[in-house]
């Protein structure tokens, strides 16, 4: 079986005719129509086996996650997810693995309403590159650079689950059950917060998705906005699964503050819009934007928490 048969067998159903698709899979490139009152938002992420996911991760989970991390970037901009391209580098033409991968990829694509419009398959180390495209009302996209002193810092969901799951399970082949399964699902099948991003489009002043860790990613907002932030450690939301499986408060806080891969949103919201924003979706206020540069995490007694690393760095 060759490259084109593999594409036809496993990815044809992801390339339906749809709004804005003039020409999809089957030519040298796709042709897409963008409405005049909208702007195109484009993002790309690459996942490498052994670096971004354990090599024994189920193929369907790799497929889901490779799409999810890109859709999370669109969510942080407040965009509607529309189209994706997919480039796969495979050590061998493993039909069973590709079938599982496409199953997970397709499941999230259907839930998110995105269409596959192009891509490539080549031979090499297992690597997945996805480019995601979305649409946002003209001049209304959320950016990192809009935070103002006094804004509330809020997050969706809970923090630290994925990092704790990675540390707890690593390369293990065992199948977790119950509470352990809940934690591992956060690592292997993150849910991009597309609805929340769109719902807060005109309420938030800045946003980012939490992929490398809360302190690191909020730091990107502060750098872009010329601000700082003061957070309260006691306010960081923890899931019941994390609280049970990581009972030590300081270990749990480290996962929440510096762990990556949760793909929740961190947003800045002006004080007068906070109540309305919290009616739009579930949010947890965790601190405030300040004029003093840097991101500080305060303990209940007023001291500052310090960690060796504030988040994930590919080249650290």
C-alpha atoms as a PDB file:
ATOM      1  CA  UNK A   1       0.000   0.000   0.000  1.00  0.00           C
ATOM      2  CA  UNK A   2       1.344   3.430  -0.971  1.00  0.00           C
ATOM      3  CA  UNK A   3       1.000   6.971   0.363  1.00  0.00           C
ATOM      4  CA  UNK A   4      -2.062   7.905  -1.711  1.00  0.00           C
ATOM      5  CA  UNK A   5      -3.955   4.732  -0.869  1.00  0.00           C
ATOM      6  CA  UNK A   6      -3.239   5.385   2.829  1.00  0.00           C
ATOM      7  CA  UNK A   7      -4.647   8.908   2.500  1.00  0.00           C
ATOM      8  CA  UNK A   8      -7.723   7.718   0.613  1.00  0.00           C
ATOM      9  CA  UNK A   9      -8.432   4.929   3.081  1.00  0.00           C
ATOM     10  CA  UNK A  10      -8.059   6.848   6.318  1.00  0.00           C
ATOM     11  CA  UNK A  11      -8.530  10.567   5.648  1.00  0.00           C
ATOM     12  CA  UNK A  12     -11.022  10.972   2.783  1.00  0.00           C
ATOM     13  CA  UNK A  13     -13.980  11.295   5.163  1.00  0.00           C
ATOM     14  CA  UNK A  14     -12.301  14.270   6.852  1.00  0.00           C
ATOM     15  CA  UNK A  15     -12.362  16.279   3.635  1.00  0.00           C
ATOM     16  CA  UNK A  16     -16.028  17.043   2.928  1.00  0.00           C
ATOM     17  CA  UNK A  17     -17.235  19.940   0.838  1.00  0.00           C
ATOM     18  CA  UNK A  18     -18.060  22.773   3.179  1.00  0.00           C
ATOM     19  CA  UNK A  19     -18.433  26.497   3.653  1.00  0.00           C
ATOM     20  CA  UNK A  20     -15.481  28.335   2.214  1.00  0.00           C
ATOM     21  CA  UNK A  21     -13.836  25.276   0.595  1.00  0.00           C
ATOM     22  CA  UNK A  22     -13.390  26.012  -3.096  1.00  0.00           C
ATOM     23  CA  UNK A  23     -10.869  23.198  -3.577  1.00  0.00           C
ATOM     24  CA  UNK A  24      -9.776  20.708  -0.926  1.00  0.00           C
ATOM     25  CA  UNK A  25      -7.683  17.525  -0.984  1.00  0.00           C
ATOM     26  CA  UNK A  26      -6.575  16.264  -4.399  1.00  0.00           C
ATOM     27  CA  UNK A  27      -4.683  19.180  -5.928  1.00  0.00           C
ATOM     28  CA  UNK A  28      -1.349  20.850  -5.220  1.00  0.00           C
ATOM     29  CA  UNK A  29      -2.958  23.175  -2.689  1.00  0.00           C
ATOM     30  CA  UNK A  30      -6.328  24.057  -1.209  1.00  0.00           C
ATOM     31  CA  UNK A  31      -8.372  27.096  -2.186  1.00  0.00           C
ATOM     32  CA  UNK A  32     -10.452  28.714   0.562  1.00  0.00           C
ATOM     33  CA  UNK A  33     -12.869  31.634   0.628  1.00  0.00           C
ATOM     34  CA  UNK A  34     -12.725  34.091   3.533  1.00  0.00           C
ATOM     35  CA  UNK A  35     -15.805  36.305   4.071  1.00  0.00           C
ATOM     36  CA  UNK A  36     -15.033  40.041   3.767  1.00  0.00           C
ATOM     37  CA  UNK A  37     -16.124  40.778   7.345  1.00  0.00           C
ATOM     38  CA  UNK A  38     -13.808  38.130   8.832  1.00  0.00           C
ATOM     39  CA  UNK A  39     -10.076  37.648   9.263  1.00  0.00           C
ATOM     40  CA  UNK A  40      -8.148  34.408   8.869  1.00  0.00           C
ATOM     41  CA  UNK A  41      -6.384  33.083  11.977  1.00  0.00           C
ATOM     42  CA  UNK A  42      -3.638  30.525  11.289  1.00  0.00           C
ATOM     43  CA  UNK A  43      -1.603  28.412  13.712  1.00  0.00           C
ATOM     44  CA  UNK A  44       0.730  25.425  13.424  1.00  0.00           C
ATOM     45  CA  UNK A  45       2.117  22.928  15.942  1.00  0.00           C
ATOM     46  CA  UNK A  46       4.370  19.898  15.623  1.00  0.00           C
ATOM     47  CA  UNK A  47       4.277  16.853  17.905  1.00  0.00           C
ATOM     48  CA  UNK A  48       7.308  14.562  18.062  1.00  0.00           C
ATOM     49  CA  UNK A  49       7.128  11.046  19.505  1.00  0.00           C
ATOM     50  CA  UNK A  50       9.014  10.796  22.796  1.00  0.00           C
ATOM     51  CA  UNK A  51       9.058  14.572  23.169  1.00  0.00           C
ATOM     52  CA  UNK A  52       5.415  15.646  23.117  1.00  0.00           C
ATOM     53  CA  UNK A  53       3.824  12.306  23.896  1.00  0.00           C
ATOM     54  CA  UNK A  54       5.146   8.987  25.257  1.00  0.00           C
ATOM     55  CA  UNK A  55       5.982   6.640  22.405  1.00  0.00           C
ATOM     56  CA  UNK A  56       3.535   4.025  23.727  1.00  0.00           C
ATOM     57  CA  UNK A  57       0.591   6.433  23.614  1.00  0.00           C
ATOM     58  CA  UNK A  58      -2.386   4.923  21.767  1.00  0.00           C
ATOM     59  CA  UNK A  59      -2.558   6.060  18.145  1.00  0.00           C
ATOM     60  CA  UNK A  60      -6.124   7.376  18.545  1.00  0.00           C
ATOM     61  CA  UNK A  61      -5.012   9.568  21.462  1.00  0.00           C
ATOM     62  CA  UNK A  62      -2.100  10.929  19.398  1.00  0.00           C
ATOM     63  CA  UNK A  63      -4.557  11.761  16.623  1.00  0.00           C
ATOM     64  CA  UNK A  64      -6.911  13.573  18.983  1.00  0.00           C
ATOM     65  CA  UNK A  65      -4.152  15.505  20.719  1.00  0.00           C
ATOM     66  CA  UNK A  66      -2.374  16.589  17.533  1.00  0.00           C
ATOM     67  CA  UNK A  67      -5.549  18.376  16.473  1.00  0.00           C
ATOM     68  CA  UNK A  68      -6.483  19.579  19.957  1.00  0.00           C
ATOM     69  CA  UNK A  69      -3.282  21.521  20.569  1.00  0.00           C
ATOM     70  CA  UNK A  70      -3.849  23.504  17.389  1.00  0.00           C
ATOM     71  CA  UNK A  71      -7.527  24.166  18.023  1.00  0.00           C
ATOM     72  CA  UNK A  72      -6.554  25.412  21.478  1.00  0.00           C
ATOM     73  CA  UNK A  73      -4.509  28.173  19.829  1.00  0.00           C
ATOM     74  CA  UNK A  74      -7.553  29.200  17.794  1.00  0.00           C
ATOM     75  CA  UNK A  75      -9.630  29.190  20.991  1.00  0.00           C
ATOM     76  CA  UNK A  76      -7.178  31.598  22.599  1.00  0.00           C
ATOM     77  CA  UNK A  77      -7.780  34.024  19.725  1.00  0.00           C
ATOM     78  CA  UNK A  78     -11.570  33.707  19.967  1.00  0.00           C
ATOM     79  CA  UNK A  79     -11.755  32.172  16.487  1.00  0.00           C
ATOM     80  CA  UNK A  80     -14.184  29.752  14.871  1.00  0.00           C
ATOM     81  CA  UNK A  81     -12.230  26.643  13.847  1.00  0.00           C
ATOM     82  CA  UNK A  82     -12.739  25.904  10.141  1.00  0.00           C
ATOM     83  CA  UNK A  83      -9.972  24.042   8.308  1.00  0.00           C
ATOM     84  CA  UNK A  84      -6.802  22.070   8.974  1.00  0.00           C
ATOM     85  CA  UNK A  85      -3.912  20.548   7.061  1.00  0.00           C
ATOM     86  CA  UNK A  86      -2.000  17.510   8.302  1.00  0.00           C
ATOM     87  CA  UNK A  87       1.584  16.416   7.625  1.00  0.00           C
ATOM     88  CA  UNK A  88       2.594  12.967   8.897  1.00  0.00           C
ATOM     89  CA  UNK A  89       6.122  11.601   9.060  1.00  0.00           C
ATOM     90  CA  UNK A  90       5.974   7.824   9.602  1.00  0.00           C
ATOM     91  CA  UNK A  91       8.830   5.338  10.143  1.00  0.00           C
ATOM     92  CA  UNK A  92       6.810   2.753   8.132  1.00  0.00           C
ATOM     93  CA  UNK A  93       3.441   2.606   6.402  1.00  0.00           C
ATOM     94  CA  UNK A  94       1.746   1.069   9.453  1.00  0.00           C
ATOM     95  CA  UNK A  95      -1.877   0.755   8.372  1.00  0.00           C
ATOM     96  CA  UNK A  96      -3.159  -0.208  11.849  1.00  0.00           C
ATOM     97  CA  UNK A  97      -1.432   2.751  13.511  1.00  0.00           C
ATOM     98  CA  UNK A  98      -2.696   5.212  10.889  1.00  0.00           C
ATOM     99  CA  UNK A  99      -6.217   3.798  11.252  1.00  0.00           C
ATOM    100  CA  UNK A 100      -6.131   4.481  14.993  1.00  0.00           C
ATOM    101  CA  UNK A 101      -4.602   7.918  14.504  1.00  0.00           C
ATOM    102  CA  UNK A 102      -7.227   8.952  11.962  1.00  0.00           C
ATOM    103  CA  UNK A 103      -9.990   7.679  14.252  1.00  0.00           C
ATOM    104  CA  UNK A 104      -8.930   9.991  17.099  1.00  0.00           C
ATOM    105  CA  UNK A 105      -8.233  12.893  14.738  1.00  0.00           C
ATOM    106  CA  UNK A 106     -11.616  12.480  13.043  1.00  0.00           C
ATOM    107  CA  UNK A 107     -13.489  12.250  16.334  1.00  0.00           C
ATOM    108  CA  UNK A 108     -12.303  15.683  17.462  1.00  0.00           C
ATOM    109  CA  UNK A 109     -12.625  17.122  13.942  1.00  0.00           C
ATOM    110  CA  UNK A 110     -16.309  16.175  13.879  1.00  0.00           C
ATOM    111  CA  UNK A 111     -16.917  17.570  17.359  1.00  0.00           C
ATOM    112  CA  UNK A 112     -15.185  20.827  16.430  1.00  0.00           C
ATOM    113  CA  UNK A 113     -16.646  21.200  12.944  1.00  0.00           C
ATOM    114  CA  UNK A 114     -13.314  21.406  11.106  1.00  0.00           C
ATOM    115  CA  UNK A 115     -12.483  19.991   7.676  1.00  0.00           C
ATOM    116  CA  UNK A 116      -9.187  18.547   6.455  1.00  0.00           C
ATOM    117  CA  UNK A 117      -8.169  20.412   3.283  1.00  0.00           C
ATOM    118  CA  UNK A 118      -4.651  19.167   2.576  1.00  0.00           C
ATOM    119  CA  UNK A 119      -1.390  17.771   3.864  1.00  0.00           C
ATOM    120  CA  UNK A 120       1.382  15.277   3.236  1.00  0.00           C
ATOM    121  CA  UNK A 121       2.718  11.880   4.314  1.00  0.00           C
ATOM    122  CA  UNK A 122       6.435  11.143   4.252  1.00  0.00           C
ATOM    123  CA  UNK A 123       8.917   8.625   5.652  1.00  0.00           C
ATOM    124  CA  UNK A 124      10.853   9.554   8.787  1.00  0.00           C
ATOM    125  CA  UNK A 125      10.715   9.618  12.604  1.00  0.00           C
ATOM    126  CA  UNK A 126       7.148   9.732  13.938  1.00  0.00           C
ATOM    127  CA  UNK A 127       6.208  13.420  13.721  1.00  0.00           C
ATOM    128  CA  UNK A 128       2.831  15.096  13.304  1.00  0.00           C
ATOM    129  CA  UNK A 129       2.450  18.671  12.049  1.00  0.00           C
ATOM    130  CA  UNK A 130      -0.959  20.311  11.892  1.00  0.00           C
ATOM    131  CA  UNK A 131      -1.865  23.747  10.570  1.00  0.00           C
ATOM    132  CA  UNK A 132      -5.250  24.991  11.778  1.00  0.00           C
ATOM    133  CA  UNK A 133      -7.199  27.881  10.306  1.00  0.00           C
ATOM    134  CA  UNK A 134     -10.117  29.760  11.781  1.00  0.00           C
ATOM    135  CA  UNK A 135     -12.178  32.876  11.249  1.00  0.00           C
ATOM    136  CA  UNK A 136     -12.693  35.781  13.606  1.00  0.00           C
ATOM    137  CA  UNK A 137     -14.733  38.985  13.204  1.00  0.00           C
ATOM    138  CA  UNK A 138     -12.536  41.659  11.660  1.00  0.00           C
ATOM    139  CA  UNK A 139     -10.326  43.514  14.194  1.00  0.00           C
ATOM    140  CA  UNK A 140     -11.840  41.666  17.179  1.00  0.00           C
ATOM    141  CA  UNK A 141      -9.428  38.769  17.744  1.00  0.00           C
ATOM    142  CA  UNK A 142      -8.130  38.208  21.261  1.00  0.00           C
ATOM    143  CA  UNK A 143      -4.408  38.904  21.583  1.00  0.00           C
ATOM    144  CA  UNK A 144      -1.721  38.663  24.228  1.00  0.00           C
ATOM    145  CA  UNK A 145      -1.017  42.388  24.176  1.00  0.00           C
ATOM    146  CA  UNK A 146      -4.241  43.869  25.592  1.00  0.00           C
ATOM    147  CA  UNK A 147      -3.912  43.302  29.351  1.00  0.00           C
ATOM    148  CA  UNK A 148      -4.210  46.365  31.597  1.00  0.00           C
ATOM    149  CA  UNK A 149      -3.292  46.941  35.221  1.00  0.00           C
ATOM    150  CA  UNK A 150      -6.267  45.998  37.400  1.00  0.00           C
ATOM    151  CA  UNK A 151      -7.618  43.329  35.036  1.00  0.00           C
ATOM    152  CA  UNK A 152      -8.577  40.046  36.634  1.00  0.00           C
ATOM    153  CA  UNK A 153      -6.544  37.004  35.613  1.00  0.00           C
ATOM    154  CA  UNK A 154      -8.911  34.060  35.130  1.00  0.00           C
ATOM    155  CA  UNK A 155      -8.598  30.489  33.898  1.00  0.00           C
ATOM    156  CA  UNK A 156     -10.974  27.922  32.464  1.00  0.00           C
ATOM    157  CA  UNK A 157     -11.118  24.420  33.913  1.00  0.00           C
ATOM    158  CA  UNK A 158      -8.511  23.034  36.295  1.00  0.00           C
ATOM    159  CA  UNK A 159      -4.728  23.139  36.239  1.00  0.00           C
ATOM    160  CA  UNK A 160      -1.952  20.610  36.658  1.00  0.00           C
ATOM    161  CA  UNK A 161      -3.733  17.422  35.626  1.00  0.00           C
ATOM    162  CA  UNK A 162      -1.759  16.690  32.462  1.00  0.00           C
ATOM    163  CA  UNK A 163       1.657  17.313  34.015  1.00  0.00           C
ATOM    164  CA  UNK A 164       0.807  15.135  37.000  1.00  0.00           C
ATOM    165  CA  UNK A 165      -0.425  12.376  34.696  1.00  0.00           C
ATOM    166  CA  UNK A 166       2.785  12.480  32.669  1.00  0.00           C
ATOM    167  CA  UNK A 167       4.917  12.319  35.809  1.00  0.00           C
ATOM    168  CA  UNK A 168       2.800   9.544  37.306  1.00  0.00           C
ATOM    169  CA  UNK A 169       2.431   7.291  34.288  1.00  0.00           C
ATOM    170  CA  UNK A 170       5.327   8.192  32.004  1.00  0.00           C
ATOM    171  CA  UNK A 171       5.924   5.345  29.580  1.00  0.00           C
ATOM    172  CA  UNK A 172       3.784   2.875  31.558  1.00  0.00           C
ATOM    173  CA  UNK A 173       1.705   0.493  29.488  1.00  0.00           C
ATOM    174  CA  UNK A 174      -0.829  -0.247  32.209  1.00  0.00           C
ATOM    175  CA  UNK A 175      -4.395   0.944  31.713  1.00  0.00           C
ATOM    176  CA  UNK A 176      -5.451   3.208  34.599  1.00  0.00           C
ATOM    177  CA  UNK A 177      -8.974   3.029  35.996  1.00  0.00           C
ATOM    178  CA  UNK A 178     -11.188   5.345  38.021  1.00  0.00           C
ATOM    179  CA  UNK A 179      -9.500   8.494  39.301  1.00  0.00           C
ATOM    180  CA  UNK A 180      -6.224   7.657  37.568  1.00  0.00           C
ATOM    181  CA  UNK A 181      -8.028   7.373  34.228  1.00  0.00           C
ATOM    182  CA  UNK A 182      -9.549  10.840  34.694  1.00  0.00           C
ATOM    183  CA  UNK A 183      -6.098  12.346  35.178  1.00  0.00           C
ATOM    184  CA  UNK A 184      -4.559  10.518  32.236  1.00  0.00           C
ATOM    185  CA  UNK A 185      -7.420  11.532  29.955  1.00  0.00           C
ATOM    186  CA  UNK A 186      -6.526  15.173  30.582  1.00  0.00           C
ATOM    187  CA  UNK A 187      -3.037  14.424  29.244  1.00  0.00           C
ATOM    188  CA  UNK A 188      -4.015  12.328  26.264  1.00  0.00           C
ATOM    189  CA  UNK A 189      -7.316  13.947  25.221  1.00  0.00           C
ATOM    190  CA  UNK A 190      -7.305  17.652  26.119  1.00  0.00           C
ATOM    191  CA  UNK A 191     -10.464  19.541  25.145  1.00  0.00           C
ATOM    192  CA  UNK A 192      -9.813  22.821  23.288  1.00  0.00           C
ATOM    193  CA  UNK A 193     -11.904  25.626  24.797  1.00  0.00           C
ATOM    194  CA  UNK A 194     -13.347  26.921  21.530  1.00  0.00           C
ATOM    195  CA  UNK A 195     -16.769  27.845  22.920  1.00  0.00           C
ATOM    196  CA  UNK A 196     -15.209  29.736  25.820  1.00  0.00           C
ATOM    197  CA  UNK A 197     -12.854  31.665  23.548  1.00  0.00           C
ATOM    198  CA  UNK A 198     -15.678  32.725  21.236  1.00  0.00           C
ATOM    199  CA  UNK A 199     -17.946  33.575  24.164  1.00  0.00           C
ATOM    200  CA  UNK A 200     -15.381  35.880  25.751  1.00  0.00           C
ATOM    201  CA  UNK A 201     -14.337  37.564  22.509  1.00  0.00           C
ATOM    202  CA  UNK A 202     -15.691  40.992  23.477  1.00  0.00           C
ATOM    203  CA  UNK A 203     -15.153  40.632  27.223  1.00  0.00           C
ATOM    204  CA  UNK A 204     -11.502  39.644  27.641  1.00  0.00           C
ATOM    205  CA  UNK A 205      -8.662  42.095  27.093  1.00  0.00           C
ATOM    206  CA  UNK A 206      -6.019  39.407  26.461  1.00  0.00           C
ATOM    207  CA  UNK A 207      -5.782  35.627  26.280  1.00  0.00           C
ATOM    208  CA  UNK A 208      -3.433  32.695  25.822  1.00  0.00           C
ATOM    209  CA  UNK A 209      -3.787  28.936  26.006  1.00  0.00           C
ATOM    210  CA  UNK A 210      -1.912  27.135  28.779  1.00  0.00           C
ATOM    211  CA  UNK A 211       0.370  24.759  26.916  1.00  0.00           C
ATOM    212  CA  UNK A 212       3.736  25.291  28.613  1.00  0.00           C
ATOM    213  CA  UNK A 213       2.548  26.112  32.149  1.00  0.00           C
ATOM    214  CA  UNK A 214       0.505  28.869  33.798  1.00  0.00           C
ATOM    215  CA  UNK A 215       3.409  31.022  34.991  1.00  0.00           C
ATOM    216  CA  UNK A 216       5.261  30.777  31.685  1.00  0.00           C
ATOM    217  CA  UNK A 217       2.227  31.433  29.499  1.00  0.00           C
ATOM    218  CA  UNK A 218       0.856  34.276  31.622  1.00  0.00           C
ATOM    219  CA  UNK A 219       4.377  35.677  31.433  1.00  0.00           C
ATOM    220  CA  UNK A 220       3.966  35.891  27.648  1.00  0.00           C
ATOM    221  CA  UNK A 221       0.826  38.007  28.131  1.00  0.00           C
ATOM    222  CA  UNK A 222       2.636  40.284  30.569  1.00  0.00           C
ATOM    223  CA  UNK A 223       5.625  40.708  28.260  1.00  0.00           C
ATOM    224  CA  UNK A 224       3.401  41.526  25.278  1.00  0.00           C
ATOM    225  CA  UNK A 225       1.241  43.913  27.341  1.00  0.00           C
ATOM    226  CA  UNK A 226       4.059  45.617  29.265  1.00  0.00           C
ATOM    227  CA  UNK A 227       2.552  44.554  32.594  1.00  0.00           C
ATOM    228  CA  UNK A 228       3.044  42.080  35.435  1.00  0.00           C
ATOM    229  CA  UNK A 229       0.706  39.860  37.428  1.00  0.00           C
ATOM    230  CA  UNK A 230       0.070  38.875  41.042  1.00  0.00           C
ATOM    231  CA  UNK A 231      -1.579  35.499  41.588  1.00  0.00           C
ATOM    232  CA  UNK A 232      -2.888  33.815  44.730  1.00  0.00           C
ATOM    233  CA  UNK A 233      -1.746  30.211  45.037  1.00  0.00           C
ATOM    234  CA  UNK A 234      -4.814  29.232  47.028  1.00  0.00           C
ATOM    235  CA  UNK A 235      -7.079  30.267  44.121  1.00  0.00           C
ATOM    236  CA  UNK A 236      -5.559  27.929  41.509  1.00  0.00           C
ATOM    237  CA  UNK A 237      -8.267  25.373  40.639  1.00  0.00           C
ATOM    238  CA  UNK A 238      -7.489  21.687  41.149  1.00  0.00           C
ATOM    239  CA  UNK A 239      -9.556  18.764  39.910  1.00  0.00           C
ATOM    240  CA  UNK A 240     -10.788  16.141  42.390  1.00  0.00           C
ATOM    241  CA  UNK A 241      -8.541  13.607  40.644  1.00  0.00           C
ATOM    242  CA  UNK A 242      -5.433  15.760  41.149  1.00  0.00           C
ATOM    243  CA  UNK A 243      -6.308  16.400  44.789  1.00  0.00           C
ATOM    244  CA  UNK A 244      -6.659  12.658  45.445  1.00  0.00           C
ATOM    245  CA  UNK A 245      -3.630  11.450  43.520  1.00  0.00           C
ATOM    246  CA  UNK A 246      -1.286  14.292  44.528  1.00  0.00           C
ATOM    247  CA  UNK A 247      -2.207  14.960  48.186  1.00  0.00           C
ATOM    248  CA  UNK A 248       0.952  16.960  48.962  1.00  0.00           C
ATOM    249  CA  UNK A 249      -0.048  20.644  48.564  1.00  0.00           C
ATOM    250  CA  UNK A 250       3.346  21.852  47.360  1.00  0.00           C
ATOM    251  CA  UNK A 251       3.728  19.071  44.805  1.00  0.00           C
ATOM    252  CA  UNK A 252       0.211  19.786  43.556  1.00  0.00           C
ATOM    253  CA  UNK A 253       0.936  23.522  43.342  1.00  0.00           C
ATOM    254  CA  UNK A 254       4.043  22.891  41.265  1.00  0.00           C
ATOM    255  CA  UNK A 255       1.991  20.954  38.725  1.00  0.00           C
ATOM    256  CA  UNK A 256      -0.693  23.658  38.670  1.00  0.00           C
ATOM    257  CA  UNK A 257       1.699  26.579  38.331  1.00  0.00           C
ATOM    258  CA  UNK A 258       4.356  25.178  36.006  1.00  0.00           C
ATOM    259  CA  UNK A 259       2.930  22.048  34.358  1.00  0.00           C
ATOM    260  CA  UNK A 260       2.041  22.165  30.689  1.00  0.00           C
ATOM    261  CA  UNK A 261      -0.372  20.340  28.388  1.00  0.00           C
ATOM    262  CA  UNK A 262      -3.639  21.317  30.131  1.00  0.00           C
ATOM    263  CA  UNK A 263      -4.735  23.501  27.182  1.00  0.00           C
ATOM    264  CA  UNK A 264      -7.014  25.593  29.330  1.00  0.00           C
ATOM    265  CA  UNK A 265      -7.350  29.303  28.612  1.00  0.00           C
ATOM    266  CA  UNK A 266      -5.793  32.050  30.713  1.00  0.00           C
ATOM    267  CA  UNK A 267      -7.551  35.368  30.128  1.00  0.00           C
ATOM    268  CA  UNK A 268      -7.424  38.917  31.432  1.00  0.00           C
ATOM    269  CA  UNK A 269     -10.784  40.556  32.055  1.00  0.00           C
ATOM    270  CA  UNK A 270     -11.498  44.135  33.158  1.00  0.00           C
ATOM    271  CA  UNK A 271     -13.139  44.395  36.565  1.00  0.00           C
ATOM    272  CA  UNK A 272     -16.420  45.743  35.199  1.00  0.00           C
ATOM    273  CA  UNK A 273     -16.800  42.781  32.823  1.00  0.00           C
ATOM    274  CA  UNK A 274     -15.931  39.953  35.229  1.00  0.00           C
ATOM    275  CA  UNK A 275     -19.478  39.154  36.398  1.00  0.00           C
ATOM    276  CA  UNK A 276     -20.782  39.001  32.833  1.00  0.00           C
ATOM    277  CA  UNK A 277     -17.833  36.873  31.746  1.00  0.00           C
ATOM    278  CA  UNK A 278     -18.491  34.380  34.546  1.00  0.00           C
ATOM    279  CA  UNK A 279     -22.070  34.055  33.320  1.00  0.00           C
ATOM    280  CA  UNK A 280     -20.804  33.205  29.828  1.00  0.00           C
ATOM    281  CA  UNK A 281     -18.696  30.250  30.990  1.00  0.00           C
ATOM    282  CA  UNK A 282     -17.105  28.735  34.079  1.00  0.00           C
ATOM    283  CA  UNK A 283     -14.054  30.764  35.098  1.00  0.00           C
ATOM    284  CA  UNK A 284     -11.843  30.934  38.179  1.00  0.00           C
ATOM    285  CA  UNK A 285     -10.322  34.317  39.091  1.00  0.00           C
ATOM    286  CA  UNK A 286      -6.763  33.681  40.313  1.00  0.00           C
ATOM    287  CA  UNK A 287      -5.193  37.141  40.537  1.00  0.00           C
ATOM    288  CA  UNK A 288      -4.759  40.565  38.998  1.00  0.00           C
ATOM    289  CA  UNK A 289      -2.668  42.250  36.359  1.00  0.00           C
ATOM    290  CA  UNK A 290      -0.325  44.849  37.859  1.00  0.00           C
ATOM    291  CA  UNK A 291       2.059  47.551  36.694  1.00  0.00           C
ATOM    292  CA  UNK A 292       5.097  45.804  38.211  1.00  0.00           C
ATOM    293  CA  UNK A 293       6.806  43.527  35.642  1.00  0.00           C
ATOM    294  CA  UNK A 294       6.984  39.790  36.309  1.00  0.00           C
ATOM    295  CA  UNK A 295       4.540  37.111  37.432  1.00  0.00           C
ATOM    296  CA  UNK A 296       4.363  36.517  41.187  1.00  0.00           C
ATOM    297  CA  UNK A 297       2.603  33.656  42.959  1.00  0.00           C
ATOM    298  CA  UNK A 298       1.651  34.595  46.516  1.00  0.00           C
ATOM    299  CA  UNK A 299       1.194  32.156  49.409  1.00  0.00           C
ATOM    300  CA  UNK A 300      -1.476  32.730  52.057  1.00  0.00           C
ATOM    301  CA  UNK A 301       1.123  34.199  54.444  1.00  0.00           C
ATOM    302  CA  UNK A 302       2.229  36.730  51.842  1.00  0.00           C
ATOM    303  CA  UNK A 303       5.494  35.028  50.864  1.00  0.00           C
ATOM    304  CA  UNK A 304       6.247  34.256  47.238  1.00  0.00           C
ATOM    305  CA  UNK A 305       6.441  30.771  45.800  1.00  0.00           C
ATOM    306  CA  UNK A 306       9.505  30.091  43.675  1.00  0.00           C
ATOM    307  CA  UNK A 307      10.105  27.207  41.276  1.00  0.00           C
ATOM    308  CA  UNK A 308      13.227  26.076  39.458  1.00  0.00           C
ATOM    309  CA  UNK A 309      11.368  26.307  36.133  1.00  0.00           C
ATOM    310  CA  UNK A 310       8.183  28.235  35.410  1.00  0.00           C
ATOM    311  CA  UNK A 311       7.151  26.028  32.510  1.00  0.00           C
ATOM    312  CA  UNK A 312       8.133  23.797  29.603  1.00  0.00           C
ATOM    313  CA  UNK A 313      10.992  24.829  27.323  1.00  0.00           C
ATOM    314  CA  UNK A 314      11.801  22.695  24.271  1.00  0.00           C
ATOM    315  CA  UNK A 315      15.510  23.452  24.466  1.00  0.00           C
ATOM    316  CA  UNK A 316      15.980  23.617  28.243  1.00  0.00           C
END
